[in-house]
Amino acid sequence: MTEMVRLSNVSYSIESHVLINGVSLRVDKGEFVALAGENGAGKSTLLKLIMGLIKPSDGDILIEGTSTRRQKVSTLARSVGYLFQNPDRQLFGATIRQELTFGLDFLGVSKDDGERRVNETLELLNLNPDRAPTSLSRGERQRVALASLFVRRPTLLLLDEPTTGLDYRECSQMMNQVAALNRESGVTVLMITHDMEVALDFSERMMVLSEGKLIADGATRSVMRDETSLRRASLVPAQMVALAQRLGLAPGEADDAESLADWIADNARGGADDARHS
């Protein structure tokens, strides 16, 4: 696969405090990767390094083959979208339409193309263009912030706890829209999340960071069964994975609700048949 992001032995320190310690990883184009870890593990710092908001103390970061050390944040922002944990940190337009249009003006998109993109994004995320972002709920403001990234057609999305403060409906709506962008447009997604259910439902790969070090990286279901790494990072697996593991099932055999229900039903029928023939 084609490489989107590569970190080579990256470290970042503030004075004598090491926040990221020798991290090496690769994310390919079109992947959907979850990044998890305990509070203070360095997850947000890692995303800021990838975005170029801060530069590594050691090592190097490549975005599509080019070092972030040699690129301005404004240049990276043309292809990389960064969603802050708090949407209020990136919203400033008087209306939602103004919010979306600003990013396109920055990119030099033509008026006609810009209007088409804005209208498509408004429809996709079911947003009223005349509403003021300040009048919206937390979940709605998060959708506006996401829309301001969608409209620019990024190739890489960096999401810092995108579901924080959202109820179940808002969370599902948000994540389904991100997943559709990943699936239908091939946008690469690297998402920090504390919600293991969200990680299981949407990411095919999961990384675990602890005390600034990458301690696990693999298929999401397999990483969630890595008890040593999860314990070290103060994480617990998604409920379906934990239940499947307790039942002795292999990774991926039956660790979502539908397949686990089928497995239980099949085994219940098998047990009943055995009882009748005994």
C-alpha atoms as a PDB file:
ATOM      1  CA  MET A   1       0.000   0.000   0.000  1.00  0.00           C
ATOM      2  CA  THR A   2       1.002   3.636  -0.492  1.00  0.00           C
ATOM      3  CA  GLU A   3       2.426   5.324   2.576  1.00  0.00           C
ATOM      4  CA  MET A   4       0.619   8.344   4.037  1.00  0.00           C
ATOM      5  CA  VAL A   5       2.402   8.906   7.375  1.00  0.00           C
ATOM      6  CA  ARG A   6       5.747   7.670   8.661  1.00  0.00           C
ATOM      7  CA  LEU A   7       7.356   8.437  12.008  1.00  0.00           C
ATOM      8  CA  SER A   8      10.982   7.394  12.401  1.00  0.00           C
ATOM      9  CA  ASN A   9      12.254   7.244  16.006  1.00  0.00           C
ATOM     10  CA  VAL A  10      10.363  10.444  16.912  1.00  0.00           C
ATOM     11  CA  SER A  11      10.835  12.036  20.324  1.00  0.00           C
ATOM     12  CA  TYR A  12       9.522  15.280  21.738  1.00  0.00           C
ATOM     13  CA  SER A  13      10.516  16.933  25.001  1.00  0.00           C
ATOM     14  CA  ILE A  14       9.700  20.146  26.827  1.00  0.00           C
ATOM     15  CA  GLU A  15      12.772  21.050  28.838  1.00  0.00           C
ATOM     16  CA  SER A  16      13.608  17.781  30.633  1.00  0.00           C
ATOM     17  CA  HIS A  17      10.090  16.291  30.357  1.00  0.00           C
ATOM     18  CA  VAL A  18       9.834  13.619  27.624  1.00  0.00           C
ATOM     19  CA  LEU A  19       6.339  13.514  26.100  1.00  0.00           C
ATOM     20  CA  ILE A  20       7.062  11.268  23.092  1.00  0.00           C
ATOM     21  CA  ASN A  21       9.840   8.721  23.347  1.00  0.00           C
ATOM     22  CA  GLY A  22      11.295   7.071  20.232  1.00  0.00           C
ATOM     23  CA  VAL A  23       8.031   6.376  18.375  1.00  0.00           C
ATOM     24  CA  SER A  24       8.220   4.745  14.947  1.00  0.00           C
ATOM     25  CA  LEU A  25       5.080   3.914  12.977  1.00  0.00           C
ATOM     26  CA  ARG A  26       3.564   3.890   9.500  1.00  0.00           C
ATOM     27  CA  VAL A  27       0.012   4.625   8.358  1.00  0.00           C
ATOM     28  CA  ASP A  28      -0.938   3.796   4.775  1.00  0.00           C
ATOM     29  CA  LYS A  29      -3.361   5.670   2.562  1.00  0.00           C
ATOM     30  CA  GLY A  30      -6.974   4.728   3.189  1.00  0.00           C
ATOM     31  CA  GLU A  31      -6.429   3.216   6.644  1.00  0.00           C
ATOM     32  CA  PHE A  32      -8.674   3.960   9.609  1.00  0.00           C
ATOM     33  CA  VAL A  33      -6.506   3.794  12.735  1.00  0.00           C
ATOM     34  CA  ALA A  34      -7.487   4.316  16.377  1.00  0.00           C
ATOM     35  CA  LEU A  35      -4.918   5.662  18.839  1.00  0.00           C
ATOM     36  CA  ALA A  36      -5.592   4.911  22.509  1.00  0.00           C
ATOM     37  CA  GLY A  37      -3.777   5.255  25.814  1.00  0.00           C
ATOM     38  CA  GLU A  38      -4.052   6.544  29.341  1.00  0.00           C
ATOM     39  CA  ASN A  39      -4.436  10.252  30.127  1.00  0.00           C
ATOM     40  CA  GLY A  40      -1.085  11.943  29.628  1.00  0.00           C
ATOM     41  CA  ALA A  41       0.239   9.160  27.360  1.00  0.00           C
ATOM     42  CA  GLY A  42       1.153  11.689  24.665  1.00  0.00           C
ATOM     43  CA  LYS A  43      -1.658  11.035  22.172  1.00  0.00           C
ATOM     44  CA  SER A  44      -2.570  14.665  21.461  1.00  0.00           C
ATOM     45  CA  THR A  45       1.110  15.586  21.340  1.00  0.00           C
ATOM     46  CA  LEU A  46       1.632  12.892  18.700  1.00  0.00           C
ATOM     47  CA  LEU A  47      -1.192  14.272  16.549  1.00  0.00           C
ATOM     48  CA  LYS A  48       0.185  17.808  16.857  1.00  0.00           C
ATOM     49  CA  LEU A  49       3.583  16.531  15.730  1.00  0.00           C
ATOM     50  CA  ILE A  50       2.036  14.887  12.668  1.00  0.00           C
ATOM     51  CA  MET A  51       0.135  18.093  11.878  1.00  0.00           C
ATOM     52  CA  GLY A  52       3.354  20.085  12.203  1.00  0.00           C
ATOM     53  CA  LEU A  53       1.985  22.293  14.961  1.00  0.00           C
ATOM     54  CA  ILE A  54       5.112  21.307  16.914  1.00  0.00           C
ATOM     55  CA  LYS A  55       8.380  19.863  15.605  1.00  0.00           C
ATOM     56  CA  PRO A  56      10.086  16.724  16.946  1.00  0.00           C
ATOM     57  CA  SER A  57      13.110  17.041  19.209  1.00  0.00           C
ATOM     58  CA  ASP A  58      14.563  13.963  17.492  1.00  0.00           C
ATOM     59  CA  GLY A  59      13.622  11.783  14.550  1.00  0.00           C
ATOM     60  CA  ASP A  60      11.538  12.701  11.531  1.00  0.00           C
ATOM     61  CA  ILE A  61       7.922  12.688  10.357  1.00  0.00           C
ATOM     62  CA  LEU A  62       6.980  12.268   6.701  1.00  0.00           C
ATOM     63  CA  ILE A  63       3.573  13.093   5.242  1.00  0.00           C
ATOM     64  CA  GLU A  64       3.281  11.537   1.778  1.00  0.00           C
ATOM     65  CA  GLY A  65       7.067  11.347   1.663  1.00  0.00           C
ATOM     66  CA  THR A  66       7.839  14.939   2.713  1.00  0.00           C
ATOM     67  CA  SER A  67       9.268  15.860   6.114  1.00  0.00           C
ATOM     68  CA  THR A  68       7.108  18.083   8.303  1.00  0.00           C
ATOM     69  CA  ARG A  69      10.335  19.864   9.299  1.00  0.00           C
ATOM     70  CA  ARG A  70      10.440  21.358   5.815  1.00  0.00           C
ATOM     71  CA  GLN A  71       6.756  22.298   5.571  1.00  0.00           C
ATOM     72  CA  LYS A  72       4.750  25.131   7.052  1.00  0.00           C
ATOM     73  CA  VAL A  73       1.556  24.281   8.901  1.00  0.00           C
ATOM     74  CA  SER A  74      -0.350  26.297   6.284  1.00  0.00           C
ATOM     75  CA  THR A  75       1.056  24.013   3.580  1.00  0.00           C
ATOM     76  CA  LEU A  76       0.214  20.837   5.492  1.00  0.00           C
ATOM     77  CA  ALA A  77      -3.294  22.148   6.141  1.00  0.00           C
ATOM     78  CA  ARG A  78      -4.021  21.961   2.420  1.00  0.00           C
ATOM     79  CA  SER A  79      -4.153  18.164   2.624  1.00  0.00           C
ATOM     80  CA  VAL A  80      -4.369  17.421   6.359  1.00  0.00           C
ATOM     81  CA  GLY A  81      -7.447  18.154   8.464  1.00  0.00           C
ATOM     82  CA  TYR A  82      -7.096  18.423  12.251  1.00  0.00           C
ATOM     83  CA  LEU A  83     -10.159  18.186  14.494  1.00  0.00           C
ATOM     84  CA  PHE A  84      -9.478  19.509  17.985  1.00  0.00           C
ATOM     85  CA  GLN A  85     -11.096  17.854  20.987  1.00  0.00           C
ATOM     86  CA  ASN A  86     -12.846  21.148  21.771  1.00  0.00           C
ATOM     87  CA  PRO A  87     -14.652  22.438  18.632  1.00  0.00           C
ATOM     88  CA  ASP A  88     -14.690  25.984  20.011  1.00  0.00           C
ATOM     89  CA  ARG A  89     -10.936  26.156  19.390  1.00  0.00           C
ATOM     90  CA  GLN A  90     -11.491  26.182  15.625  1.00  0.00           C
ATOM     91  CA  LEU A  91     -14.864  27.862  15.067  1.00  0.00           C
ATOM     92  CA  PHE A  92     -15.081  31.608  14.521  1.00  0.00           C
ATOM     93  CA  GLY A  93     -17.471  32.289  11.614  1.00  0.00           C
ATOM     94  CA  ALA A  94     -20.677  34.256  12.182  1.00  0.00           C
ATOM     95  CA  THR A  95     -22.625  31.553  10.310  1.00  0.00           C
ATOM     96  CA  ILE A  96     -21.982  27.957   9.349  1.00  0.00           C
ATOM     97  CA  ARG A  97     -21.704  28.929   5.683  1.00  0.00           C
ATOM     98  CA  GLN A  98     -19.029  31.506   6.511  1.00  0.00           C
ATOM     99  CA  GLU A  99     -17.206  28.868   8.546  1.00  0.00           C
ATOM    100  CA  LEU A 100     -17.068  26.476   5.591  1.00  0.00           C
ATOM    101  CA  THR A 101     -16.290  29.124   3.006  1.00  0.00           C
ATOM    102  CA  PHE A 102     -13.279  30.471   4.900  1.00  0.00           C
ATOM    103  CA  GLY A 103     -11.235  27.302   4.422  1.00  0.00           C
ATOM    104  CA  LEU A 104     -11.921  27.267   0.693  1.00  0.00           C
ATOM    105  CA  ASP A 105     -10.899  30.908   0.319  1.00  0.00           C
ATOM    106  CA  PHE A 106      -7.648  29.972   2.049  1.00  0.00           C
ATOM    107  CA  LEU A 107      -7.091  27.194  -0.535  1.00  0.00           C
ATOM    108  CA  GLY A 108      -7.875  29.468  -3.465  1.00  0.00           C
ATOM    109  CA  VAL A 109     -10.867  27.382  -4.597  1.00  0.00           C
ATOM    110  CA  SER A 110     -12.954  29.076  -7.300  1.00  0.00           C
ATOM    111  CA  LYS A 111     -16.268  30.640  -6.322  1.00  0.00           C
ATOM    112  CA  ASP A 112     -18.386  28.128  -8.275  1.00  0.00           C
ATOM    113  CA  ASP A 113     -16.475  25.080  -7.040  1.00  0.00           C
ATOM    114  CA  GLY A 114     -16.489  26.458  -3.515  1.00  0.00           C
ATOM    115  CA  GLU A 115     -20.241  26.986  -3.519  1.00  0.00           C
ATOM    116  CA  ARG A 116     -20.772  23.450  -4.810  1.00  0.00           C
ATOM    117  CA  ARG A 117     -18.521  21.971  -2.103  1.00  0.00           C
ATOM    118  CA  VAL A 118     -20.186  23.982   0.657  1.00  0.00           C
ATOM    119  CA  ASN A 119     -23.685  22.944  -0.423  1.00  0.00           C
ATOM    120  CA  GLU A 120     -22.660  19.276  -0.684  1.00  0.00           C
ATOM    121  CA  THR A 121     -21.119  19.373   2.795  1.00  0.00           C
ATOM    122  CA  LEU A 122     -24.105  21.138   4.326  1.00  0.00           C
ATOM    123  CA  GLU A 123     -26.398  18.454   2.912  1.00  0.00           C
ATOM    124  CA  LEU A 124     -24.076  15.611   3.934  1.00  0.00           C
ATOM    125  CA  LEU A 125     -23.918  16.742   7.563  1.00  0.00           C
ATOM    126  CA  ASN A 126     -27.476  18.103   7.677  1.00  0.00           C
ATOM    127  CA  LEU A 127     -26.449  21.621   8.685  1.00  0.00           C
ATOM    128  CA  ASN A 128     -28.396  24.884   8.390  1.00  0.00           C
ATOM    129  CA  PRO A 129     -26.023  27.364   6.672  1.00  0.00           C
ATOM    130  CA  ASP A 130     -27.586  30.393   8.361  1.00  0.00           C
ATOM    131  CA  ARG A 131     -27.221  29.176  11.941  1.00  0.00           C
ATOM    132  CA  ALA A 132     -24.527  30.738  14.120  1.00  0.00           C
ATOM    133  CA  PRO A 133     -22.080  28.113  15.479  1.00  0.00           C
ATOM    134  CA  THR A 134     -22.263  29.771  18.901  1.00  0.00           C
ATOM    135  CA  SER A 135     -25.997  28.961  19.113  1.00  0.00           C
ATOM    136  CA  LEU A 136     -25.497  25.218  18.640  1.00  0.00           C
ATOM    137  CA  SER A 137     -25.124  22.316  21.065  1.00  0.00           C
ATOM    138  CA  ARG A 138     -21.718  20.735  21.678  1.00  0.00           C
ATOM    139  CA  GLY A 139     -22.484  17.876  19.288  1.00  0.00           C
ATOM    140  CA  GLU A 140     -23.694  20.249  16.573  1.00  0.00           C
ATOM    141  CA  ARG A 141     -20.599  22.436  16.941  1.00  0.00           C
ATOM    142  CA  GLN A 142     -18.442  19.322  16.589  1.00  0.00           C
ATOM    143  CA  ARG A 143     -20.243  18.523  13.327  1.00  0.00           C
ATOM    144  CA  VAL A 144     -19.616  22.071  12.074  1.00  0.00           C
ATOM    145  CA  ALA A 145     -15.927  21.737  12.913  1.00  0.00           C
ATOM    146  CA  LEU A 146     -15.843  18.429  11.050  1.00  0.00           C
ATOM    147  CA  ALA A 147     -17.686  20.011   8.110  1.00  0.00           C
ATOM    148  CA  SER A 148     -15.036  22.739   7.932  1.00  0.00           C
ATOM    149  CA  LEU A 149     -12.520  19.936   7.323  1.00  0.00           C
ATOM    150  CA  PHE A 150     -14.702  17.867   4.964  1.00  0.00           C
ATOM    151  CA  VAL A 151     -15.270  20.815   2.651  1.00  0.00           C
ATOM    152  CA  ARG A 152     -11.517  21.108   1.981  1.00  0.00           C
ATOM    153  CA  ARG A 153     -11.325  17.508   0.712  1.00  0.00           C
ATOM    154  CA  PRO A 154      -8.373  16.428   2.918  1.00  0.00           C
ATOM    155  CA  THR A 155      -6.386  13.265   2.233  1.00  0.00           C
ATOM    156  CA  LEU A 156      -5.608  12.778   5.942  1.00  0.00           C
ATOM    157  CA  LEU A 157      -7.907  13.412   8.921  1.00  0.00           C
ATOM    158  CA  LEU A 158      -6.449  13.718  12.425  1.00  0.00           C
ATOM    159  CA  LEU A 159      -9.238  13.470  15.005  1.00  0.00           C
ATOM    160  CA  ASP A 160      -8.626  14.217  18.678  1.00  0.00           C
ATOM    161  CA  GLU A 161     -11.418  12.558  20.705  1.00  0.00           C
ATOM    162  CA  PRO A 162     -14.137  13.412  18.140  1.00  0.00           C
ATOM    163  CA  THR A 163     -16.957  11.883  20.212  1.00  0.00           C
ATOM    164  CA  THR A 164     -16.223  13.593  23.540  1.00  0.00           C
ATOM    165  CA  GLY A 165     -19.379  15.165  24.968  1.00  0.00           C
ATOM    166  CA  LEU A 166     -21.679  13.593  22.361  1.00  0.00           C
ATOM    167  CA  ASP A 167     -24.714  11.474  23.173  1.00  0.00           C
ATOM    168  CA  TYR A 168     -25.207   8.085  21.483  1.00  0.00           C
ATOM    169  CA  ARG A 169     -27.121   9.496  18.502  1.00  0.00           C
ATOM    170  CA  GLU A 170     -24.640  12.310  17.909  1.00  0.00           C
ATOM    171  CA  CYS A 171     -21.718   9.908  18.291  1.00  0.00           C
ATOM    172  CA  SER A 172     -23.178   7.448  15.771  1.00  0.00           C
ATOM    173  CA  GLN A 173     -23.959  10.209  13.307  1.00  0.00           C
ATOM    174  CA  MET A 174     -20.476  11.704  13.601  1.00  0.00           C
ATOM    175  CA  MET A 175     -18.612   8.425  13.267  1.00  0.00           C
ATOM    176  CA  ASN A 176     -20.751   7.116  10.403  1.00  0.00           C
ATOM    177  CA  GLN A 177     -19.935  10.272   8.461  1.00  0.00           C
ATOM    178  CA  VAL A 178     -16.204   9.882   9.127  1.00  0.00           C
ATOM    179  CA  ALA A 179     -16.403   6.209   8.143  1.00  0.00           C
ATOM    180  CA  ALA A 180     -18.204   7.070   4.913  1.00  0.00           C
ATOM    181  CA  LEU A 181     -15.510   9.589   4.005  1.00  0.00           C
ATOM    182  CA  ASN A 182     -12.855   6.963   4.701  1.00  0.00           C
ATOM    183  CA  ARG A 183     -14.695   4.232   2.778  1.00  0.00           C
ATOM    184  CA  GLU A 184     -16.011   6.189  -0.192  1.00  0.00           C
ATOM    185  CA  SER A 185     -13.289   8.807  -0.693  1.00  0.00           C
ATOM    186  CA  GLY A 186     -10.267   6.908   0.605  1.00  0.00           C
ATOM    187  CA  VAL A 187      -9.457   9.534   3.235  1.00  0.00           C
ATOM    188  CA  THR A 188      -6.919   8.271   5.774  1.00  0.00           C
ATOM    189  CA  VAL A 189      -8.110   8.604   9.382  1.00  0.00           C
ATOM    190  CA  LEU A 190      -5.984   8.636  12.532  1.00  0.00           C
ATOM    191  CA  MET A 191      -8.293   9.032  15.534  1.00  0.00           C
ATOM    192  CA  ILE A 192      -7.545   9.427  19.224  1.00  0.00           C
ATOM    193  CA  THR A 193     -10.306   7.816  21.250  1.00  0.00           C
ATOM    194  CA  HIS A 194     -10.937   6.720  24.820  1.00  0.00           C
ATOM    195  CA  ASP A 195     -14.060   4.836  23.719  1.00  0.00           C
ATOM    196  CA  MET A 196     -13.151   1.228  22.955  1.00  0.00           C
ATOM    197  CA  GLU A 197     -16.614   0.552  21.518  1.00  0.00           C
ATOM    198  CA  VAL A 198     -16.039   3.291  18.920  1.00  0.00           C
ATOM    199  CA  ALA A 199     -12.562   1.923  18.168  1.00  0.00           C
ATOM    200  CA  LEU A 200     -13.973  -1.586  17.662  1.00  0.00           C
ATOM    201  CA  ASP A 201     -16.855  -0.451  15.470  1.00  0.00           C
ATOM    202  CA  PHE A 202     -14.918   1.846  13.163  1.00  0.00           C
ATOM    203  CA  SER A 203     -11.157   1.209  13.108  1.00  0.00           C
ATOM    204  CA  GLU A 204      -9.508  -1.779  11.487  1.00  0.00           C
ATOM    205  CA  ARG A 205      -6.210  -1.060  13.234  1.00  0.00           C
ATOM    206  CA  MET A 206      -5.356   0.160  16.715  1.00  0.00           C
ATOM    207  CA  MET A 207      -2.245   1.635  18.315  1.00  0.00           C
ATOM    208  CA  VAL A 208      -1.672   1.969  22.047  1.00  0.00           C
ATOM    209  CA  LEU A 209       0.532   4.679  23.523  1.00  0.00           C
ATOM    210  CA  SER A 210       1.760   4.652  27.128  1.00  0.00           C
ATOM    211  CA  GLU A 211       4.125   7.152  28.741  1.00  0.00           C
ATOM    212  CA  GLY A 212       5.104   8.460  25.320  1.00  0.00           C
ATOM    213  CA  LYS A 213       5.976   5.028  23.903  1.00  0.00           C
ATOM    214  CA  LEU A 214       4.140   2.938  21.313  1.00  0.00           C
ATOM    215  CA  ILE A 215       3.477  -0.362  23.094  1.00  0.00           C
ATOM    216  CA  ALA A 216       0.977  -2.072  20.761  1.00  0.00           C
ATOM    217  CA  ASP A 217       0.042  -1.838  17.073  1.00  0.00           C
ATOM    218  CA  GLY A 218      -2.124  -4.274  15.127  1.00  0.00           C
ATOM    219  CA  ALA A 219      -5.621  -5.325  14.128  1.00  0.00           C
ATOM    220  CA  THR A 220      -8.091  -3.695  16.524  1.00  0.00           C
ATOM    221  CA  ARG A 221      -9.618  -6.944  17.767  1.00  0.00           C
ATOM    222  CA  SER A 222      -6.197  -8.488  18.362  1.00  0.00           C
ATOM    223  CA  VAL A 223      -4.861  -5.453  20.245  1.00  0.00           C
ATOM    224  CA  MET A 224      -7.958  -5.461  22.458  1.00  0.00           C
ATOM    225  CA  ARG A 225      -7.013  -8.991  23.519  1.00  0.00           C
ATOM    226  CA  ASP A 226      -3.499  -7.925  24.494  1.00  0.00           C
ATOM    227  CA  GLU A 227      -4.143  -7.839  28.230  1.00  0.00           C
ATOM    228  CA  THR A 228      -0.591  -6.807  29.133  1.00  0.00           C
ATOM    229  CA  SER A 229      -0.598  -3.723  26.903  1.00  0.00           C
ATOM    230  CA  LEU A 230      -4.138  -2.704  27.837  1.00  0.00           C
ATOM    231  CA  ARG A 231      -3.389  -3.003  31.534  1.00  0.00           C
ATOM    232  CA  ARG A 232      -0.226  -0.944  31.112  1.00  0.00           C
ATOM    233  CA  ALA A 233      -2.225   1.788  29.354  1.00  0.00           C
ATOM    234  CA  SER A 234      -5.143   1.625  31.834  1.00  0.00           C
ATOM    235  CA  LEU A 235      -7.536   0.467  29.110  1.00  0.00           C
ATOM    236  CA  VAL A 236     -10.290  -2.136  29.040  1.00  0.00           C
ATOM    237  CA  PRO A 237     -11.425  -3.864  25.823  1.00  0.00           C
ATOM    238  CA  ALA A 238     -14.789  -3.331  24.171  1.00  0.00           C
ATOM    239  CA  GLN A 239     -17.512  -5.391  25.839  1.00  0.00           C
ATOM    240  CA  MET A 240     -18.050  -7.723  22.877  1.00  0.00           C
ATOM    241  CA  VAL A 241     -14.349  -8.525  22.663  1.00  0.00           C
ATOM    242  CA  ALA A 242     -14.123  -9.142  26.405  1.00  0.00           C
ATOM    243  CA  LEU A 243     -17.145 -11.464  26.312  1.00  0.00           C
ATOM    244  CA  ALA A 244     -15.877 -13.372  23.262  1.00  0.00           C
ATOM    245  CA  GLN A 245     -12.512 -13.794  24.935  1.00  0.00           C
ATOM    246  CA  ARG A 246     -14.127 -15.157  28.106  1.00  0.00           C
ATOM    247  CA  LEU A 247     -16.012 -17.648  25.944  1.00  0.00           C
ATOM    248  CA  GLY A 248     -12.700 -18.816  24.475  1.00  0.00           C
ATOM    249  CA  LEU A 249     -13.371 -17.567  20.933  1.00  0.00           C
ATOM    250  CA  ALA A 250     -10.554 -16.634  18.569  1.00  0.00           C
ATOM    251  CA  PRO A 251     -10.111 -12.977  17.470  1.00  0.00           C
ATOM    252  CA  GLY A 252     -12.725 -12.092  14.867  1.00  0.00           C
ATOM    253  CA  GLU A 253     -14.636 -15.355  15.341  1.00  0.00           C
ATOM    254  CA  ALA A 254     -17.594 -13.759  17.117  1.00  0.00           C
ATOM    255  CA  ASP A 255     -16.735 -10.436  18.727  1.00  0.00           C
ATOM    256  CA  ASP A 256     -19.490  -8.203  17.441  1.00  0.00           C
ATOM    257  CA  ALA A 257     -23.057  -8.283  18.749  1.00  0.00           C
ATOM    258  CA  GLU A 258     -24.641 -10.010  15.740  1.00  0.00           C
ATOM    259  CA  SER A 259     -22.061 -12.770  15.268  1.00  0.00           C
ATOM    260  CA  LEU A 260     -21.815 -13.371  19.018  1.00  0.00           C
ATOM    261  CA  ALA A 261     -25.606 -13.742  19.259  1.00  0.00           C
ATOM    262  CA  ASP A 262     -25.495 -16.230  16.359  1.00  0.00           C
ATOM    263  CA  TRP A 263     -22.711 -18.187  18.056  1.00  0.00           C
ATOM    264  CA  ILE A 264     -24.629 -18.375  21.328  1.00  0.00           C
ATOM    265  CA  ALA A 265     -27.804 -19.465  19.508  1.00  0.00           C
ATOM    266  CA  ASP A 266     -25.933 -22.157  17.535  1.00  0.00           C
ATOM    267  CA  ASN A 267     -24.284 -23.492  20.664  1.00  0.00           C
ATOM    268  CA  ALA A 268     -27.572 -23.454  22.558  1.00  0.00           C
ATOM    269  CA  ARG A 269     -29.169 -25.516  19.778  1.00  0.00           C
ATOM    270  CA  GLY A 270     -26.186 -27.848  19.767  1.00  0.00           C
ATOM    271  CA  GLY A 271     -26.438 -28.304  23.536  1.00  0.00           C
ATOM    272  CA  ALA A 272     -30.159 -29.065  23.260  1.00  0.00           C
ATOM    273  CA  ASP A 273     -29.524 -31.637  20.520  1.00  0.00           C
ATOM    274  CA  ASP A 274     -26.824 -33.313  22.626  1.00  0.00           C
ATOM    275  CA  ALA A 275     -29.203 -33.470  25.571  1.00  0.00           C
ATOM    276  CA  ARG A 276     -31.937 -35.124  23.472  1.00  0.00           C
ATOM    277  CA  HIS A 277     -29.544 -37.772  22.144  1.00  0.00           C
ATOM    278  CA  SER A 278     -27.933 -38.584  25.488  1.00  0.00           C
END
